[in-house]
Amino acid sequence: MKVNVVKLILALGFGAILGLLCYQIAGEEASRNLISFAVAGTSMFLSIGMLMGFEYENENRGVNIKTAGTLMATLLLVVNIVFSCFAYGVLAYVGVVGFLTLLDIALIYSMYKPKN
């Protein structure tokens, strides 16, 4: 697995832009907009960074990783937008998005891990 720094920086930009989208959608009461920005930006950067920022040696495995990662990134985007639109508890928001982000990273790692 090779790190592509330019694509990783692009993933950071995408994460920031999607975080700003959730910032605009979220209400301002109790700093929900700032929480949405931080949680959505971080989760989307990690998810998109795993998609774009790495190049995999095995092409078949790389395609599988990118397909699963795209599905998880789409799910994370939808969940972030839903939580930003409605007034849910902050801990529930952070917990659900954090769990999905860790699930995404674990899925990609398990697909990348070389088989013995």
PDB file of N, CA and C in Angstrom:
ATOM      1  N   MET A   1       0.847  -1.160   0.000  1.00  0.00           N
ATOM      2  CA  MET A   1       0.000   0.000   0.000  1.00  0.00           C
ATOM      3  C   MET A   1       0.900   1.232   0.000  1.00  0.00           C
ATOM      4  N   LYS A   2       0.661   2.129  -0.945  1.00  0.00           N
ATOM      5  CA  LYS A   2       1.443   3.350  -1.045  1.00  0.00           C
ATOM      6  C   LYS A   2       0.546   4.543  -0.730  1.00  0.00           C
ATOM      7  N   VAL A   3       1.112   5.525  -0.041  1.00  0.00           N
ATOM      8  CA  VAL A   3       0.372   6.738   0.289  1.00  0.00           C
ATOM      9  C   VAL A   3       0.544   7.747  -0.838  1.00  0.00           C
ATOM     10  N   ASN A   4      -0.553   8.271  -1.330  1.00  0.00           N
ATOM     11  CA  ASN A   4      -0.537   9.325  -2.327  1.00  0.00           C
ATOM     12  C   ASN A   4      -0.900  10.625  -1.604  1.00  0.00           C
ATOM     13  N   VAL A   5       0.095  11.460  -1.344  1.00  0.00           N
ATOM     14  CA  VAL A   5      -0.076  12.647  -0.516  1.00  0.00           C
ATOM     15  C   VAL A   5      -1.034  13.645  -1.159  1.00  0.00           C
ATOM     16  N   VAL A   6      -0.952  13.829  -2.457  1.00  0.00           N
ATOM     17  CA  VAL A   6      -1.822  14.795  -3.132  1.00  0.00           C
ATOM     18  C   VAL A   6      -3.286  14.385  -2.976  1.00  0.00           C
ATOM     19  N   LYS A   7      -3.578  13.120  -3.190  1.00  0.00           N
ATOM     20  CA  LYS A   7      -4.949  12.645  -3.041  1.00  0.00           C
ATOM     21  C   LYS A   7      -5.405  12.687  -1.587  1.00  0.00           C
ATOM     22  N   LEU A   8      -4.481  12.495  -0.663  1.00  0.00           N
ATOM     23  CA  LEU A   8      -4.822  12.593   0.751  1.00  0.00           C
ATOM     24  C   LEU A   8      -5.177  14.033   1.121  1.00  0.00           C
ATOM     25  N   ILE A   9      -4.472  15.006   0.549  1.00  0.00           N
ATOM     26  CA  ILE A   9      -4.798  16.415   0.776  1.00  0.00           C
ATOM     27  C   ILE A   9      -6.147  16.752   0.144  1.00  0.00           C
ATOM     28  N   LEU A  10      -6.420  16.190  -1.030  1.00  0.00           N
ATOM     29  CA  LEU A  10      -7.739  16.373  -1.643  1.00  0.00           C
ATOM     30  C   LEU A  10      -8.848  15.786  -0.767  1.00  0.00           C
ATOM     31  N   ALA A  11      -8.594  14.650  -0.153  1.00  0.00           N
ATOM     32  CA  ALA A  11      -9.573  14.043   0.745  1.00  0.00           C
ATOM     33  C   ALA A  11      -9.814  14.944   1.954  1.00  0.00           C
ATOM     34  N   LEU A  12      -8.762  15.593   2.434  1.00  0.00           N
ATOM     35  CA  LEU A  12      -8.916  16.546   3.536  1.00  0.00           C
ATOM     36  C   LEU A  12      -9.812  17.705   3.106  1.00  0.00           C
ATOM     37  N   GLY A  13      -9.625  18.187   1.884  1.00  0.00           N
ATOM     38  CA  GLY A  13     -10.473  19.254   1.364  1.00  0.00           C
ATOM     39  C   GLY A  13     -11.920  18.825   1.224  1.00  0.00           C
ATOM     40  N   PHE A  14     -12.149  17.620   0.701  1.00  0.00           N
ATOM     41  CA  PHE A  14     -13.514  17.107   0.593  1.00  0.00           C
ATOM     42  C   PHE A  14     -14.155  16.977   1.973  1.00  0.00           C
ATOM     43  N   GLY A  15     -13.397  16.477   2.942  1.00  0.00           N
ATOM     44  CA  GLY A  15     -13.922  16.357   4.297  1.00  0.00           C
ATOM     45  C   GLY A  15     -14.297  17.709   4.885  1.00  0.00           C
ATOM     46  N   ALA A  16     -13.460  18.722   4.641  1.00  0.00           N
ATOM     47  CA  ALA A  16     -13.756  20.062   5.145  1.00  0.00           C
ATOM     48  C   ALA A  16     -14.995  20.648   4.477  1.00  0.00           C
ATOM     49  N   ILE A  17     -15.125  20.453   3.173  1.00  0.00           N
ATOM     50  CA  ILE A  17     -16.285  20.983   2.460  1.00  0.00           C
ATOM     51  C   ILE A  17     -17.570  20.290   2.915  1.00  0.00           C
ATOM     52  N   LEU A  18     -17.523  18.980   3.082  1.00  0.00           N
ATOM     53  CA  LEU A  18     -18.705  18.264   3.556  1.00  0.00           C
ATOM     54  C   LEU A  18     -19.019  18.623   5.009  1.00  0.00           C
ATOM     55  N   GLY A  19     -17.985  18.901   5.802  1.00  0.00           N
ATOM     56  CA  GLY A  19     -18.200  19.399   7.159  1.00  0.00           C
ATOM     57  C   GLY A  19     -18.875  20.759   7.145  1.00  0.00           C
ATOM     58  N   LEU A  20     -18.473  21.638   6.225  1.00  0.00           N
ATOM     59  CA  LEU A  20     -19.125  22.948   6.094  1.00  0.00           C
ATOM     60  C   LEU A  20     -20.583  22.803   5.666  1.00  0.00           C
ATOM     61  N   LEU A  21     -20.870  21.817   4.811  1.00  0.00           N
ATOM     62  CA  LEU A  21     -22.247  21.553   4.413  1.00  0.00           C
ATOM     63  C   LEU A  21     -23.091  21.202   5.636  1.00  0.00           C
ATOM     64  N   CYS A  22     -22.586  20.316   6.466  1.00  0.00           N
ATOM     65  CA  CYS A  22     -23.314  19.940   7.687  1.00  0.00           C
ATOM     66  C   CYS A  22     -23.387  21.109   8.664  1.00  0.00           C
ATOM     67  N   TYR A  23     -22.372  21.967   8.678  1.00  0.00           N
ATOM     68  CA  TYR A  23     -22.371  23.169   9.516  1.00  0.00           C
ATOM     69  C   TYR A  23     -23.518  24.092   9.106  1.00  0.00           C
ATOM     70  N   GLN A  24     -23.735  24.247   7.811  1.00  0.00           N
ATOM     71  CA  GLN A  24     -24.811  25.111   7.323  1.00  0.00           C
ATOM     72  C   GLN A  24     -26.191  24.513   7.601  1.00  0.00           C
ATOM     73  N   ILE A  25     -26.294  23.195   7.536  1.00  0.00           N
ATOM     74  CA  ILE A  25     -27.586  22.534   7.733  1.00  0.00           C
ATOM     75  C   ILE A  25     -27.991  22.531   9.199  1.00  0.00           C
ATOM     76  N   ALA A  26     -27.028  22.333  10.098  1.00  0.00           N
ATOM     77  CA  ALA A  26     -27.325  22.153  11.524  1.00  0.00           C
ATOM     78  C   ALA A  26     -27.820  23.449  12.143  1.00  0.00           C
ATOM     79  N   GLY A  27     -28.621  23.290  13.186  1.00  0.00           N
ATOM     80  CA  GLY A  27     -29.098  24.445  13.933  1.00  0.00           C
ATOM     81  C   GLY A  27     -28.003  25.028  14.803  1.00  0.00           C
ATOM     82  N   GLU A  28     -28.199  26.259  15.235  1.00  0.00           N
ATOM     83  CA  GLU A  28     -27.173  26.943  16.017  1.00  0.00           C
ATOM     84  C   GLU A  28     -27.324  26.748  17.517  1.00  0.00           C
ATOM     85  N   GLU A  29     -28.410  26.147  17.969  1.00  0.00           N
ATOM     86  CA  GLU A  29     -28.606  25.977  19.407  1.00  0.00           C
ATOM     87  C   GLU A  29     -27.586  24.991  19.975  1.00  0.00           C
ATOM     88  N   ALA A  30     -27.025  25.347  21.101  1.00  0.00           N
ATOM     89  CA  ALA A  30     -26.042  24.526  21.838  1.00  0.00           C
ATOM     90  C   ALA A  30     -24.848  24.138  20.972  1.00  0.00           C
ATOM     91  N   SER A  31     -24.434  25.005  20.085  1.00  0.00           N
ATOM     92  CA  SER A  31     -23.266  24.795  19.215  1.00  0.00           C
ATOM     93  C   SER A  31     -23.368  23.531  18.374  1.00  0.00           C
ATOM     94  N   ARG A  32     -24.585  23.165  17.988  1.00  0.00           N
ATOM     95  CA  ARG A  32     -24.762  21.965  17.161  1.00  0.00           C
ATOM     96  C   ARG A  32     -24.063  22.101  15.820  1.00  0.00           C
ATOM     97  N   ASN A  33     -24.005  23.327  15.291  1.00  0.00           N
ATOM     98  CA  ASN A  33     -23.366  23.501  13.987  1.00  0.00           C
ATOM     99  C   ASN A  33     -21.865  23.241  14.060  1.00  0.00           C
ATOM    100  N   LEU A  34     -21.226  23.664  15.143  1.00  0.00           N
ATOM    101  CA  LEU A  34     -19.792  23.397  15.292  1.00  0.00           C
ATOM    102  C   LEU A  34     -19.512  21.915  15.507  1.00  0.00           C
ATOM    103  N   ILE A  35     -20.379  21.269  16.260  1.00  0.00           N
ATOM    104  CA  ILE A  35     -20.228  19.823  16.482  1.00  0.00           C
ATOM    105  C   ILE A  35     -20.421  19.072  15.168  1.00  0.00           C
ATOM    106  N   SER A  36     -21.422  19.485  14.384  1.00  0.00           N
ATOM    107  CA  SER A  36     -21.647  18.855  13.084  1.00  0.00           C
ATOM    108  C   SER A  36     -20.453  19.047  12.169  1.00  0.00           C
ATOM    109  N   PHE A  37     -19.873  20.251  12.193  1.00  0.00           N
ATOM    110  CA  PHE A  37     -18.698  20.512  11.365  1.00  0.00           C
ATOM    111  C   PHE A  37     -17.545  19.595  11.754  1.00  0.00           C
ATOM    112  N   ALA A  38     -17.269  19.493  13.050  1.00  0.00           N
ATOM    113  CA  ALA A  38     -16.138  18.683  13.514  1.00  0.00           C
ATOM    114  C   ALA A  38     -16.355  17.196  13.240  1.00  0.00           C
ATOM    115  N   VAL A  39     -17.519  16.694  13.582  1.00  0.00           N
ATOM    116  CA  VAL A  39     -17.785  15.257  13.436  1.00  0.00           C
ATOM    117  C   VAL A  39     -17.873  14.871  11.963  1.00  0.00           C
ATOM    118  N   ALA A  40     -18.616  15.640  11.175  1.00  0.00           N
ATOM    119  CA  ALA A  40     -18.774  15.310   9.753  1.00  0.00           C
ATOM    120  C   ALA A  40     -17.450  15.468   9.016  1.00  0.00           C
ATOM    121  N   GLY A  41     -16.723  16.544   9.289  1.00  0.00           N
ATOM    122  CA  GLY A  41     -15.446  16.761   8.618  1.00  0.00           C
ATOM    123  C   GLY A  41     -14.444  15.662   8.907  1.00  0.00           C
ATOM    124  N   THR A  42     -14.346  15.273  10.174  1.00  0.00           N
ATOM    125  CA  THR A  42     -13.397  14.234  10.560  1.00  0.00           C
ATOM    126  C   THR A  42     -13.788  12.875   9.986  1.00  0.00           C
ATOM    127  N   SER A  43     -15.055  12.522  10.119  1.00  0.00           N
ATOM    128  CA  SER A  43     -15.476  11.196   9.638  1.00  0.00           C
ATOM    129  C   SER A  43     -15.372  11.104   8.122  1.00  0.00           C
ATOM    130  N   MET A  44     -15.728  12.161   7.425  1.00  0.00           N
ATOM    131  CA  MET A  44     -15.648  12.123   5.969  1.00  0.00           C
ATOM    132  C   MET A  44     -14.196  12.145   5.493  1.00  0.00           C
ATOM    133  N   PHE A  45     -13.334  12.871   6.194  1.00  0.00           N
ATOM    134  CA  PHE A  45     -11.916  12.847   5.821  1.00  0.00           C
ATOM    135  C   PHE A  45     -11.340  11.453   5.984  1.00  0.00           C
ATOM    136  N   LEU A  46     -11.638  10.800   7.103  1.00  0.00           N
ATOM    137  CA  LEU A  46     -11.107   9.454   7.308  1.00  0.00           C
ATOM    138  C   LEU A  46     -11.648   8.473   6.269  1.00  0.00           C
ATOM    139  N   SER A  47     -12.931   8.580   5.981  1.00  0.00           N
ATOM    140  CA  SER A  47     -13.533   7.657   5.023  1.00  0.00           C
ATOM    141  C   SER A  47     -13.030   7.907   3.603  1.00  0.00           C
ATOM    142  N   ILE A  48     -13.028   9.152   3.181  1.00  0.00           N
ATOM    143  CA  ILE A  48     -12.572   9.474   1.828  1.00  0.00           C
ATOM    144  C   ILE A  48     -11.057   9.321   1.721  1.00  0.00           C
ATOM    145  N   GLY A  49     -10.350   9.581   2.806  1.00  0.00           N
ATOM    146  CA  GLY A  49      -8.894   9.406   2.807  1.00  0.00           C
ATOM    147  C   GLY A  49      -8.489   7.964   2.584  1.00  0.00           C
ATOM    148  N   MET A  50      -9.238   7.028   3.167  1.00  0.00           N
ATOM    149  CA  MET A  50      -8.950   5.614   2.941  1.00  0.00           C
ATOM    150  C   MET A  50      -9.259   5.226   1.494  1.00  0.00           C
ATOM    151  N   LEU A  51     -10.217   5.916   0.884  1.00  0.00           N
ATOM    152  CA  LEU A  51     -10.564   5.644  -0.510  1.00  0.00           C
ATOM    153  C   LEU A  51      -9.534   6.207  -1.476  1.00  0.00           C
ATOM    154  N   MET A  52      -9.249   7.486  -1.330  1.00  0.00           N
ATOM    155  CA  MET A  52      -8.438   8.193  -2.321  1.00  0.00           C
ATOM    156  C   MET A  52      -6.948   8.198  -2.003  1.00  0.00           C
ATOM    157  N   GLY A  53      -6.599   8.203  -0.739  1.00  0.00           N
ATOM    158  CA  GLY A  53      -5.229   8.479  -0.342  1.00  0.00           C
ATOM    159  C   GLY A  53      -4.250   7.332  -0.452  1.00  0.00           C
ATOM    160  N   PHE A  54      -4.731   6.149  -0.761  1.00  0.00           N
ATOM    161  CA  PHE A  54      -3.854   4.983  -0.801  1.00  0.00           C
ATOM    162  C   PHE A  54      -3.988   4.261  -2.133  1.00  0.00           C
ATOM    163  N   GLU A  55      -2.869   3.719  -2.585  1.00  0.00           N
ATOM    164  CA  GLU A  55      -2.864   2.901  -3.793  1.00  0.00           C
ATOM    165  C   GLU A  55      -2.488   1.484  -3.378  1.00  0.00           C
ATOM    166  N   TYR A  56      -3.233   0.525  -3.859  1.00  0.00           N
ATOM    167  CA  TYR A  56      -3.064  -0.867  -3.448  1.00  0.00           C
ATOM    168  C   TYR A  56      -2.357  -1.645  -4.542  1.00  0.00           C
ATOM    169  N   GLU A  57      -1.457  -2.563  -4.146  1.00  0.00           N
ATOM    170  CA  GLU A  57      -0.674  -3.336  -5.105  1.00  0.00           C
ATOM    171  C   GLU A  57      -1.552  -4.285  -5.910  1.00  0.00           C
ATOM    172  N   ASN A  58      -2.440  -4.984  -5.243  1.00  0.00           N
ATOM    173  CA  ASN A  58      -3.321  -5.948  -5.885  1.00  0.00           C
ATOM    174  C   ASN A  58      -4.535  -5.203  -6.442  1.00  0.00           C
ATOM    175  N   GLU A  59      -4.699  -5.201  -7.764  1.00  0.00           N
ATOM    176  CA  GLU A  59      -5.771  -4.428  -8.394  1.00  0.00           C
ATOM    177  C   GLU A  59      -7.156  -4.924  -7.995  1.00  0.00           C
ATOM    178  N   ASN A  60      -7.348  -6.245  -7.937  1.00  0.00           N
ATOM    179  CA  ASN A  60      -8.656  -6.788  -7.568  1.00  0.00           C
ATOM    180  C   ASN A  60      -9.027  -6.396  -6.145  1.00  0.00           C
ATOM    181  N   ARG A  61      -8.093  -6.514  -5.245  1.00  0.00           N
ATOM    182  CA  ARG A  61      -8.333  -6.143  -3.865  1.00  0.00           C
ATOM    183  C   ARG A  61      -8.573  -4.637  -3.766  1.00  0.00           C
ATOM    184  N   GLY A  62      -7.847  -3.854  -4.552  1.00  0.00           N
ATOM    185  CA  GLY A  62      -8.036  -2.405  -4.551  1.00  0.00           C
ATOM    186  C   GLY A  62      -9.427  -1.998  -5.007  1.00  0.00           C
ATOM    187  N   VAL A  63      -9.940  -2.690  -6.030  1.00  0.00           N
ATOM    188  CA  VAL A  63     -11.295  -2.392  -6.512  1.00  0.00           C
ATOM    189  C   VAL A  63     -12.317  -2.751  -5.441  1.00  0.00           C
ATOM    190  N   ASN A  64     -12.150  -3.886  -4.783  1.00  0.00           N
ATOM    191  CA  ASN A  64     -13.069  -4.279  -3.723  1.00  0.00           C
ATOM    192  C   ASN A  64     -13.038  -3.282  -2.572  1.00  0.00           C
ATOM    193  N   ILE A  65     -11.843  -2.838  -2.207  1.00  0.00           N
ATOM    194  CA  ILE A  65     -11.707  -1.872  -1.123  1.00  0.00           C
ATOM    195  C   ILE A  65     -12.370  -0.555  -1.496  1.00  0.00           C
ATOM    196  N   LYS A  66     -12.147  -0.100  -2.707  1.00  0.00           N
ATOM    197  CA  LYS A  66     -12.728   1.179  -3.124  1.00  0.00           C
ATOM    198  C   LYS A  66     -14.249   1.098  -3.246  1.00  0.00           C
ATOM    199  N   THR A  67     -14.782  -0.032  -3.662  1.00  0.00           N
ATOM    200  CA  THR A  67     -16.230  -0.197  -3.744  1.00  0.00           C
ATOM    201  C   THR A  67     -16.859  -0.186  -2.351  1.00  0.00           C
ATOM    202  N   ALA A  68     -16.298  -0.974  -1.440  1.00  0.00           N
ATOM    203  CA  ALA A  68     -16.819  -1.001  -0.071  1.00  0.00           C
ATOM    204  C   ALA A  68     -16.639   0.361   0.605  1.00  0.00           C
ATOM    205  N   GLY A  69     -15.515   0.994   0.358  1.00  0.00           N
ATOM    206  CA  GLY A  69     -15.267   2.314   0.940  1.00  0.00           C
ATOM    207  C   GLY A  69     -16.221   3.369   0.417  1.00  0.00           C
ATOM    208  N   THR A  70     -16.566   3.290  -0.868  1.00  0.00           N
ATOM    209  CA  THR A  70     -17.518   4.234  -1.450  1.00  0.00           C
ATOM    210  C   THR A  70     -18.901   4.057  -0.834  1.00  0.00           C
ATOM    211  N   LEU A  71     -19.310   2.814  -0.638  1.00  0.00           N
ATOM    212  CA  LEU A  71     -20.600   2.557  -0.001  1.00  0.00           C
ATOM    213  C   LEU A  71     -20.623   3.083   1.431  1.00  0.00           C
ATOM    214  N   MET A  72     -19.543   2.865   2.170  1.00  0.00           N
ATOM    215  CA  MET A  72     -19.479   3.347   3.550  1.00  0.00           C
ATOM    216  C   MET A  72     -19.408   4.873   3.594  1.00  0.00           C
ATOM    217  N   ALA A  73     -18.681   5.493   2.660  1.00  0.00           N
ATOM    218  CA  ALA A  73     -18.605   6.960   2.633  1.00  0.00           C
ATOM    219  C   ALA A  73     -19.970   7.554   2.315  1.00  0.00           C
ATOM    220  N   THR A  74     -20.712   6.921   1.421  1.00  0.00           N
ATOM    221  CA  THR A  74     -22.062   7.389   1.104  1.00  0.00           C
ATOM    222  C   THR A  74     -22.976   7.246   2.318  1.00  0.00           C
ATOM    223  N   LEU A  75     -22.887   6.121   3.008  1.00  0.00           N
ATOM    224  CA  LEU A  75     -23.675   5.919   4.224  1.00  0.00           C
ATOM    225  C   LEU A  75     -23.322   6.964   5.280  1.00  0.00           C
ATOM    226  N   LEU A  76     -22.035   7.231   5.453  1.00  0.00           N
ATOM    227  CA  LEU A  76     -21.615   8.250   6.420  1.00  0.00           C
ATOM    228  C   LEU A  76     -22.124   9.634   6.034  1.00  0.00           C
ATOM    229  N   LEU A  77     -22.095   9.953   4.761  1.00  0.00           N
ATOM    230  CA  LEU A  77     -22.600  11.255   4.318  1.00  0.00           C
ATOM    231  C   LEU A  77     -24.086  11.389   4.629  1.00  0.00           C
ATOM    232  N   VAL A  78     -24.863  10.355   4.330  1.00  0.00           N
ATOM    233  CA  VAL A  78     -26.300  10.393   4.603  1.00  0.00           C
ATOM    234  C   VAL A  78     -26.561  10.516   6.102  1.00  0.00           C
ATOM    235  N   VAL A  79     -25.851   9.744   6.916  1.00  0.00           N
ATOM    236  CA  VAL A  79     -26.048   9.791   8.365  1.00  0.00           C
ATOM    237  C   VAL A  79     -25.665  11.170   8.912  1.00  0.00           C
ATOM    238  N   ASN A  80     -24.569  11.739   8.434  1.00  0.00           N
ATOM    239  CA  ASN A  80     -24.168  13.068   8.887  1.00  0.00           C
ATOM    240  C   ASN A  80     -25.210  14.118   8.519  1.00  0.00           C
ATOM    241  N   ILE A  81     -25.759  14.049   7.320  1.00  0.00           N
ATOM    242  CA  ILE A  81     -26.768  15.023   6.906  1.00  0.00           C
ATOM    243  C   ILE A  81     -28.054  14.849   7.710  1.00  0.00           C
ATOM    244  N   VAL A  82     -28.462  13.610   7.951  1.00  0.00           N
ATOM    245  CA  VAL A  82     -29.677  13.369   8.741  1.00  0.00           C
ATOM    246  C   VAL A  82     -29.496  13.898  10.159  1.00  0.00           C
ATOM    247  N   PHE A  83     -28.357  13.608  10.783  1.00  0.00           N
ATOM    248  CA  PHE A  83     -28.125  14.089  12.142  1.00  0.00           C
ATOM    249  C   PHE A  83     -27.986  15.607  12.179  1.00  0.00           C
ATOM    250  N   SER A  84     -27.524  16.210  11.104  1.00  0.00           N
ATOM    251  CA  SER A  84     -27.404  17.666  11.069  1.00  0.00           C
ATOM    252  C   SER A  84     -28.766  18.329  10.879  1.00  0.00           C
ATOM    253  N   CYS A  85     -29.669  17.673  10.177  1.00  0.00           N
ATOM    254  CA  CYS A  85     -30.984  18.257   9.898  1.00  0.00           C
ATOM    255  C   CYS A  85     -31.903  18.234  11.114  1.00  0.00           C
ATOM    256  N   PHE A  86     -31.824  17.205  11.896  1.00  0.00           N
ATOM    257  CA  PHE A  86     -32.763  17.030  13.001  1.00  0.00           C
ATOM    258  C   PHE A  86     -32.050  17.176  14.339  1.00  0.00           C
ATOM    259  N   ALA A  87     -32.821  17.433  15.386  1.00  0.00           N
ATOM    260  CA  ALA A  87     -32.255  17.667  16.718  1.00  0.00           C
ATOM    261  C   ALA A  87     -32.153  16.347  17.492  1.00  0.00           C
ATOM    262  N   TYR A  88     -31.050  15.670  17.312  1.00  0.00           N
ATOM    263  CA  TYR A  88     -30.758  14.461  18.076  1.00  0.00           C
ATOM    264  C   TYR A  88     -29.751  14.800  19.164  1.00  0.00           C
ATOM    265  N   GLY A  89     -29.570  13.876  20.097  1.00  0.00           N
ATOM    266  CA  GLY A  89     -28.572  14.081  21.125  1.00  0.00           C
ATOM    267  C   GLY A  89     -27.169  14.051  20.536  1.00  0.00           C
ATOM    268  N   VAL A  90     -26.315  14.883  21.090  1.00  0.00           N
ATOM    269  CA  VAL A  90     -24.949  14.986  20.576  1.00  0.00           C
ATOM    270  C   VAL A  90     -24.201  13.672  20.769  1.00  0.00           C
ATOM    271  N   LEU A  91     -24.382  13.023  21.914  1.00  0.00           N
ATOM    272  CA  LEU A  91     -23.684  11.755  22.151  1.00  0.00           C
ATOM    273  C   LEU A  91     -24.144  10.670  21.196  1.00  0.00           C
ATOM    274  N   ALA A  92     -25.434  10.666  20.876  1.00  0.00           N
ATOM    275  CA  ALA A  92     -25.925   9.686  19.902  1.00  0.00           C
ATOM    276  C   ALA A  92     -25.304   9.953  18.536  1.00  0.00           C
ATOM    277  N   TYR A  93     -25.212  11.214  18.161  1.00  0.00           N
ATOM    278  CA  TYR A  93     -24.623  11.595  16.873  1.00  0.00           C
ATOM    279  C   TYR A  93     -23.163  11.170  16.804  1.00  0.00           C
ATOM    280  N   VAL A  94     -22.398  11.538  17.803  1.00  0.00           N
ATOM    281  CA  VAL A  94     -20.970  11.197  17.823  1.00  0.00           C
ATOM    282  C   VAL A  94     -20.790   9.685  17.894  1.00  0.00           C
ATOM    283  N   GLY A  95     -21.609   9.015  18.665  1.00  0.00           N
ATOM    284  CA  GLY A  95     -21.494   7.566  18.801  1.00  0.00           C
ATOM    285  C   GLY A  95     -21.791   6.824  17.515  1.00  0.00           C
ATOM    286  N   VAL A  96     -22.873   7.179  16.854  1.00  0.00           N
ATOM    287  CA  VAL A  96     -23.255   6.489  15.612  1.00  0.00           C
ATOM    288  C   VAL A  96     -22.239   6.761  14.512  1.00  0.00           C
ATOM    289  N   VAL A  97     -21.863   8.020  14.324  1.00  0.00           N
ATOM    290  CA  VAL A  97     -20.910   8.357  13.264  1.00  0.00           C
ATOM    291  C   VAL A  97     -19.532   7.778  13.582  1.00  0.00           C
ATOM    292  N   GLY A  98     -19.135   7.820  14.839  1.00  0.00           N
ATOM    293  CA  GLY A  98     -17.848   7.231  15.229  1.00  0.00           C
ATOM    294  C   GLY A  98     -17.824   5.728  14.997  1.00  0.00           C
ATOM    295  N   PHE A  99     -18.925   5.054  15.335  1.00  0.00           N
ATOM    296  CA  PHE A  99     -19.003   3.616  15.118  1.00  0.00           C
ATOM    297  C   PHE A  99     -18.926   3.284  13.634  1.00  0.00           C
ATOM    298  N   LEU A 100     -19.670   4.031  12.812  1.00  0.00           N
ATOM    299  CA  LEU A 100     -19.639   3.775  11.368  1.00  0.00           C
ATOM    300  C   LEU A 100     -18.267   4.064  10.772  1.00  0.00           C
ATOM    301  N   THR A 101     -17.593   5.093  11.264  1.00  0.00           N
ATOM    302  CA  THR A 101     -16.247   5.405  10.770  1.00  0.00           C
ATOM    303  C   THR A 101     -15.270   4.296  11.137  1.00  0.00           C
ATOM    304  N   LEU A 102     -15.327   3.832  12.378  1.00  0.00           N
ATOM    305  CA  LEU A 102     -14.446   2.731  12.785  1.00  0.00           C
ATOM    306  C   LEU A 102     -14.779   1.441  12.046  1.00  0.00           C
ATOM    307  N   LEU A 103     -16.054   1.218  11.780  1.00  0.00           N
ATOM    308  CA  LEU A 103     -16.457   0.053  11.000  1.00  0.00           C
ATOM    309  C   LEU A 103     -15.897   0.134   9.583  1.00  0.00           C
ATOM    310  N   ASP A 104     -15.920   1.329   9.001  1.00  0.00           N
ATOM    311  CA  ASP A 104     -15.361   1.544   7.670  1.00  0.00           C
ATOM    312  C   ASP A 104     -13.865   1.246   7.654  1.00  0.00           C
ATOM    313  N   ILE A 105     -13.148   1.776   8.621  1.00  0.00           N
ATOM    314  CA  ILE A 105     -11.702   1.557   8.683  1.00  0.00           C
ATOM    315  C   ILE A 105     -11.390   0.080   8.928  1.00  0.00           C
ATOM    316  N   ALA A 106     -12.146  -0.571   9.805  1.00  0.00           N
ATOM    317  CA  ALA A 106     -11.922  -1.998  10.074  1.00  0.00           C
ATOM    318  C   ALA A 106     -12.234  -2.851   8.844  1.00  0.00           C
ATOM    319  N   LEU A 107     -13.285  -2.496   8.114  1.00  0.00           N
ATOM    320  CA  LEU A 107     -13.631  -3.227   6.901  1.00  0.00           C
ATOM    321  C   LEU A 107     -12.533  -3.108   5.853  1.00  0.00           C
ATOM    322  N   ILE A 108     -12.044  -1.896   5.649  1.00  0.00           N
ATOM    323  CA  ILE A 108     -10.983  -1.691   4.666  1.00  0.00           C
ATOM    324  C   ILE A 108      -9.706  -2.395   5.095  1.00  0.00           C
ATOM    325  N   TYR A 109      -9.378  -2.348   6.387  1.00  0.00           N
ATOM    326  CA  TYR A 109      -8.184  -3.032   6.866  1.00  0.00           C
ATOM    327  C   TYR A 109      -8.313  -4.534   6.681  1.00  0.00           C
ATOM    328  N   SER A 110      -9.482  -5.090   6.989  1.00  0.00           N
ATOM    329  CA  SER A 110      -9.635  -6.544   6.857  1.00  0.00           C
ATOM    330  C   SER A 110      -9.592  -6.968   5.391  1.00  0.00           C
ATOM    331  N   MET A 111     -10.028  -6.103   4.488  1.00  0.00           N
ATOM    332  CA  MET A 111      -9.956  -6.441   3.070  1.00  0.00           C
ATOM    333  C   MET A 111      -8.523  -6.284   2.546  1.00  0.00           C
ATOM    334  N   TYR A 112      -7.764  -5.386   3.127  1.00  0.00           N
ATOM    335  CA  TYR A 112      -6.389  -5.154   2.669  1.00  0.00           C
ATOM    336  C   TYR A 112      -5.428  -6.204   3.202  1.00  0.00           C
ATOM    337  N   LYS A 113      -5.652  -6.642   4.430  1.00  0.00           N
ATOM    338  CA  LYS A 113      -4.728  -7.547   5.110  1.00  0.00           C
ATOM    339  C   LYS A 113      -4.394  -8.742   4.229  1.00  0.00           C
ATOM    340  N   PRO A 114      -3.109  -8.972   3.989  1.00  0.00           N
ATOM    341  CA  PRO A 114      -2.709 -10.108   3.134  1.00  0.00           C
ATOM    342  C   PRO A 114      -3.151 -11.435   3.756  1.00  0.00           C
ATOM    343  N   LYS A 115      -3.606 -12.303   2.907  1.00  0.00           N
ATOM    344  CA  LYS A 115      -4.031 -13.641   3.342  1.00  0.00           C
ATOM    345  C   LYS A 115      -2.812 -14.555   3.396  1.00  0.00           C
ATOM    346  N   ASN A 116      -2.763 -15.391   4.435  1.00  0.00           N
ATOM    347  CA  ASN A 116      -1.642 -16.345   4.576  1.00  0.00           C
ATOM    348  C   ASN A 116      -1.924 -17.589   3.775  1.00  0.00           C
TER     349      ASN A 116
END
